[in-house]
Amino acid sequence: MSKGTKAAGVAWLVIAVYYFFQYVLRSAPSVMIPQLSAAFGLSAMGVASMVGLFYWATRRSASSPASRSIASGRAASSRSERPRSVSGR
């Protein structure tokens, strides 16, 4: 196996494990609805709303314009050369 093939296989494996982990995290509350309903005194619809609100809030904070600009600024400053514009100047 070449070095590039090995790196691609490792990258694919990391992504597959992460995808499976996210699937488990997203489907876990649906398995626990009776227990969550009893613990919080909510109906199944109330628990679903609470879980949905959690995902909505974490999605909004992760994809805010401020977090994107911080990430792109870090990426641009970590390069050794000055970032070029589209025209190449």
N, C-alpha and C. Protein backbone atom coordinates (compact mmCIF):
# COMPACT_ATOMS: atom_id res chain seq x y z
N MET A 1 0.84 -1.19 0.00
CA MET A 1 0.00 0.00 0.00
C MET A 1 0.88 1.23 0.00
N SER A 2 0.49 2.19 -0.80
CA SER A 2 1.25 3.43 -0.82
C SER A 2 0.89 4.31 0.37
N LYS A 3 1.72 5.31 0.59
CA LYS A 3 1.52 6.20 1.73
C LYS A 3 0.21 6.98 1.58
N GLY A 4 -0.12 7.40 0.36
CA GLY A 4 -1.36 8.13 0.12
C GLY A 4 -2.59 7.28 0.34
N THR A 5 -2.53 6.02 -0.04
CA THR A 5 -3.66 5.12 0.16
C THR A 5 -3.88 4.86 1.65
N LYS A 6 -2.78 4.72 2.37
CA LYS A 6 -2.89 4.49 3.81
C LYS A 6 -3.49 5.72 4.50
N ALA A 7 -3.06 6.91 4.11
CA ALA A 7 -3.59 8.15 4.69
C ALA A 7 -5.07 8.31 4.37
N ALA A 8 -5.46 7.97 3.15
CA ALA A 8 -6.87 8.07 2.77
C ALA A 8 -7.71 7.08 3.57
N GLY A 9 -7.18 5.88 3.81
CA GLY A 9 -7.91 4.90 4.60
C GLY A 9 -8.09 5.35 6.04
N VAL A 10 -7.04 5.93 6.62
CA VAL A 10 -7.13 6.44 7.99
C VAL A 10 -8.12 7.58 8.06
N ALA A 11 -8.08 8.50 7.09
CA ALA A 11 -9.02 9.62 7.07
C ALA A 11 -10.45 9.11 6.96
N TRP A 12 -10.67 8.14 6.09
CA TRP A 12 -12.01 7.58 5.94
C TRP A 12 -12.48 6.93 7.23
N LEU A 13 -11.59 6.22 7.90
CA LEU A 13 -11.94 5.56 9.15
C LEU A 13 -12.29 6.57 10.24
N VAL A 14 -11.52 7.64 10.34
CA VAL A 14 -11.80 8.68 11.34
C VAL A 14 -13.16 9.32 11.08
N ILE A 15 -13.45 9.61 9.84
CA ILE A 15 -14.73 10.22 9.49
C ILE A 15 -15.89 9.26 9.76
N ALA A 16 -15.70 7.99 9.45
CA ALA A 16 -16.76 6.99 9.69
C ALA A 16 -17.03 6.84 11.19
N VAL A 17 -15.99 6.82 12.00
CA VAL A 17 -16.17 6.70 13.45
C VAL A 17 -16.89 7.93 13.99
N TYR A 18 -16.50 9.11 13.52
CA TYR A 18 -17.15 10.35 13.96
C TYR A 18 -18.62 10.36 13.55
N TYR A 19 -18.92 9.94 12.32
CA TYR A 19 -20.30 9.90 11.85
C TYR A 19 -21.14 8.95 12.71
N PHE A 20 -20.59 7.77 13.03
CA PHE A 20 -21.31 6.82 13.86
C PHE A 20 -21.55 7.38 15.25
N PHE A 21 -20.54 8.04 15.81
CA PHE A 21 -20.66 8.66 17.13
C PHE A 21 -21.77 9.70 17.14
N GLN A 22 -21.83 10.55 16.11
CA GLN A 22 -22.88 11.56 16.03
C GLN A 22 -24.26 10.91 15.88
N TYR A 23 -24.33 9.82 15.13
CA TYR A 23 -25.59 9.11 14.98
C TYR A 23 -26.08 8.59 16.33
N VAL A 24 -25.18 8.01 17.09
CA VAL A 24 -25.54 7.49 18.41
C VAL A 24 -26.01 8.62 19.32
N LEU A 25 -25.30 9.75 19.31
CA LEU A 25 -25.69 10.88 20.15
C LEU A 25 -27.05 11.44 19.77
N ARG A 26 -27.36 11.46 18.49
CA ARG A 26 -28.65 12.01 18.06
C ARG A 26 -29.80 11.05 18.28
N SER A 27 -29.54 9.76 18.25
CA SER A 27 -30.63 8.81 18.43
C SER A 27 -30.82 8.38 19.88
N ALA A 28 -29.87 8.65 20.75
CA ALA A 28 -29.97 8.23 22.16
C ALA A 28 -31.19 8.82 22.87
N PRO A 29 -31.53 10.11 22.71
CA PRO A 29 -32.70 10.64 23.42
C PRO A 29 -34.01 9.96 23.03
N SER A 30 -34.12 9.49 21.80
CA SER A 30 -35.38 8.84 21.40
C SER A 30 -35.58 7.52 22.13
N VAL A 31 -34.51 6.87 22.54
CA VAL A 31 -34.61 5.63 23.28
C VAL A 31 -35.00 5.89 24.74
N MET A 32 -34.63 7.07 25.23
CA MET A 32 -34.85 7.40 26.65
C MET A 32 -36.07 8.27 26.90
N ILE A 33 -36.97 8.41 25.95
CA ILE A 33 -38.13 9.30 26.13
C ILE A 33 -38.98 8.93 27.35
N PRO A 34 -39.30 7.67 27.61
CA PRO A 34 -40.09 7.38 28.82
C PRO A 34 -39.39 7.81 30.11
N GLN A 35 -38.10 7.57 30.21
CA GLN A 35 -37.35 7.95 31.41
C GLN A 35 -37.24 9.47 31.52
N LEU A 36 -36.99 10.15 30.42
CA LEU A 36 -36.91 11.61 30.45
C LEU A 36 -38.27 12.23 30.78
N SER A 37 -39.35 11.64 30.26
CA SER A 37 -40.69 12.14 30.57
C SER A 37 -40.97 12.05 32.06
N ALA A 38 -40.60 10.92 32.66
CA ALA A 38 -40.83 10.75 34.09
C ALA A 38 -39.93 11.68 34.91
N ALA A 39 -38.69 11.85 34.50
CA ALA A 39 -37.74 12.67 35.26
C ALA A 39 -38.10 14.15 35.23
N PHE A 40 -38.56 14.65 34.09
CA PHE A 40 -38.86 16.07 33.96
C PHE A 40 -40.35 16.38 34.09
N GLY A 41 -41.19 15.36 34.16
CA GLY A 41 -42.62 15.58 34.27
C GLY A 41 -43.21 16.16 33.00
N LEU A 42 -42.70 15.74 31.86
CA LEU A 42 -43.16 16.24 30.57
C LEU A 42 -43.80 15.12 29.77
N SER A 43 -44.59 15.53 28.78
CA SER A 43 -45.12 14.54 27.83
C SER A 43 -44.01 14.20 26.82
N ALA A 44 -44.29 13.25 25.96
CA ALA A 44 -43.32 12.89 24.93
C ALA A 44 -43.05 14.08 24.02
N MET A 45 -44.08 14.88 23.74
CA MET A 45 -43.91 16.07 22.91
C MET A 45 -43.03 17.10 23.62
N GLY A 46 -43.18 17.24 24.93
CA GLY A 46 -42.34 18.15 25.69
C GLY A 46 -40.88 17.74 25.69
N VAL A 47 -40.63 16.44 25.82
CA VAL A 47 -39.25 15.95 25.78
C VAL A 47 -38.67 16.17 24.39
N ALA A 48 -39.45 15.90 23.35
CA ALA A 48 -38.97 16.12 21.99
C ALA A 48 -38.65 17.59 21.75
N SER A 49 -39.47 18.48 22.28
CA SER A 49 -39.20 19.91 22.15
C SER A 49 -37.93 20.30 22.90
N MET A 50 -37.73 19.75 24.07
CA MET A 50 -36.53 20.04 24.85
C MET A 50 -35.28 19.55 24.13
N VAL A 51 -35.32 18.36 23.58
CA VAL A 51 -34.18 17.81 22.85
C VAL A 51 -33.94 18.63 21.58
N GLY A 52 -34.99 18.98 20.89
CA GLY A 52 -34.85 19.81 19.69
C GLY A 52 -34.28 21.17 19.99
N LEU A 53 -34.67 21.75 21.10
CA LEU A 53 -34.14 23.05 21.50
C LEU A 53 -32.65 22.96 21.78
N PHE A 54 -32.21 21.86 22.38
CA PHE A 54 -30.79 21.67 22.64
C PHE A 54 -30.01 21.64 21.33
N TYR A 55 -30.48 20.87 20.35
CA TYR A 55 -29.77 20.79 19.08
C TYR A 55 -29.83 22.12 18.33
N TRP A 56 -30.93 22.84 18.43
CA TRP A 56 -31.04 24.13 17.78
C TRP A 56 -30.04 25.11 18.38
N ALA A 57 -29.92 25.13 19.70
CA ALA A 57 -29.01 26.06 20.36
C ALA A 57 -27.56 25.72 20.06
N THR A 58 -27.19 24.44 20.07
CA THR A 58 -25.80 24.09 19.79
C THR A 58 -25.46 24.33 18.32
N ARG A 59 -26.41 24.16 17.45
CA ARG A 59 -26.16 24.40 16.02
C ARG A 59 -25.96 25.89 15.77
N ARG A 60 -26.77 26.73 16.41
CA ARG A 60 -26.64 28.17 16.22
C ARG A 60 -25.30 28.68 16.73
N SER A 61 -24.86 28.18 17.88
CA SER A 61 -23.60 28.66 18.43
C SER A 61 -22.42 28.17 17.61
N ALA A 62 -22.51 26.99 17.04
CA ALA A 62 -21.39 26.44 16.27
C ALA A 62 -21.26 27.08 14.90
N SER A 63 -22.35 27.58 14.34
CA SER A 63 -22.28 28.12 12.99
C SER A 63 -22.50 29.63 12.95
N SER A 64 -22.22 30.30 14.05
CA SER A 64 -22.40 31.74 14.06
C SER A 64 -21.32 32.41 13.22
N PRO A 65 -21.60 33.58 12.67
CA PRO A 65 -20.59 34.27 11.86
C PRO A 65 -19.30 34.55 12.64
N ALA A 66 -19.42 34.80 13.93
CA ALA A 66 -18.22 35.08 14.72
C ALA A 66 -17.31 33.86 14.79
N SER A 67 -17.88 32.68 15.00
CA SER A 67 -17.03 31.48 15.08
C SER A 67 -16.42 31.16 13.73
N ARG A 68 -17.14 31.41 12.64
CA ARG A 68 -16.56 31.16 11.33
C ARG A 68 -15.42 32.13 11.04
N SER A 69 -15.57 33.40 11.44
CA SER A 69 -14.51 34.36 11.16
C SER A 69 -13.28 34.08 12.02
N ILE A 70 -13.49 33.61 13.25
CA ILE A 70 -12.35 33.27 14.10
C ILE A 70 -11.59 32.09 13.49
N ALA A 71 -12.33 31.08 13.04
CA ALA A 71 -11.68 29.91 12.45
C ALA A 71 -10.94 30.28 11.17
N SER A 72 -11.53 31.08 10.32
CA SER A 72 -10.85 31.45 9.08
C SER A 72 -9.67 32.38 9.35
N GLY A 73 -9.77 33.21 10.37
CA GLY A 73 -8.64 34.07 10.73
C GLY A 73 -7.47 33.27 11.25
N ARG A 74 -7.75 32.25 12.05
CA ARG A 74 -6.67 31.39 12.55
C ARG A 74 -6.02 30.63 11.40
N ALA A 75 -6.83 30.15 10.48
CA ALA A 75 -6.28 29.40 9.36
C ALA A 75 -5.41 30.30 8.49
N ALA A 76 -5.84 31.53 8.27
CA ALA A 76 -5.07 32.44 7.43
C ALA A 76 -3.78 32.88 8.12
N SER A 77 -3.81 33.08 9.44
CA SER A 77 -2.62 33.54 10.13
C SER A 77 -1.61 32.42 10.35
N SER A 78 -2.04 31.17 10.26
CA SER A 78 -1.11 30.08 10.48
C SER A 78 -0.26 29.79 9.24
N ARG A 79 -0.67 30.30 8.09
CA ARG A 79 0.13 30.09 6.89
C ARG A 79 1.32 31.03 6.89
N SER A 80 2.40 30.59 6.29
CA SER A 80 3.62 31.40 6.33
C SER A 80 3.56 32.56 5.35
N GLU A 81 2.89 32.40 4.24
CA GLU A 81 2.83 33.50 3.28
C GLU A 81 1.54 34.29 3.42
N ARG A 82 1.54 35.46 2.90
CA ARG A 82 0.36 36.32 2.97
C ARG A 82 -0.75 35.75 2.08
N PRO A 83 -1.98 35.72 2.57
CA PRO A 83 -3.07 35.19 1.73
C PRO A 83 -3.25 36.03 0.47
N ARG A 84 -3.44 35.36 -0.64
CA ARG A 84 -3.61 36.06 -1.92
C ARG A 84 -5.07 36.21 -2.25
N SER A 85 -5.38 37.23 -2.99
CA SER A 85 -6.76 37.44 -3.43
C SER A 85 -7.02 36.52 -4.63
N VAL A 86 -8.24 36.55 -5.13
CA VAL A 86 -8.62 35.71 -6.24
C VAL A 86 -7.79 36.04 -7.48
N SER A 87 -7.44 37.32 -7.66
CA SER A 87 -6.69 37.72 -8.84
C SER A 87 -5.22 37.31 -8.75
N GLY A 88 -4.73 36.90 -7.56
CA GLY A 88 -3.37 36.44 -7.42
C GLY A 88 -2.37 37.53 -7.11
N ARG A 89 -2.81 38.74 -6.85
CA ARG A 89 -1.90 39.86 -6.56
C ARG A 89 -1.56 39.94 -5.12
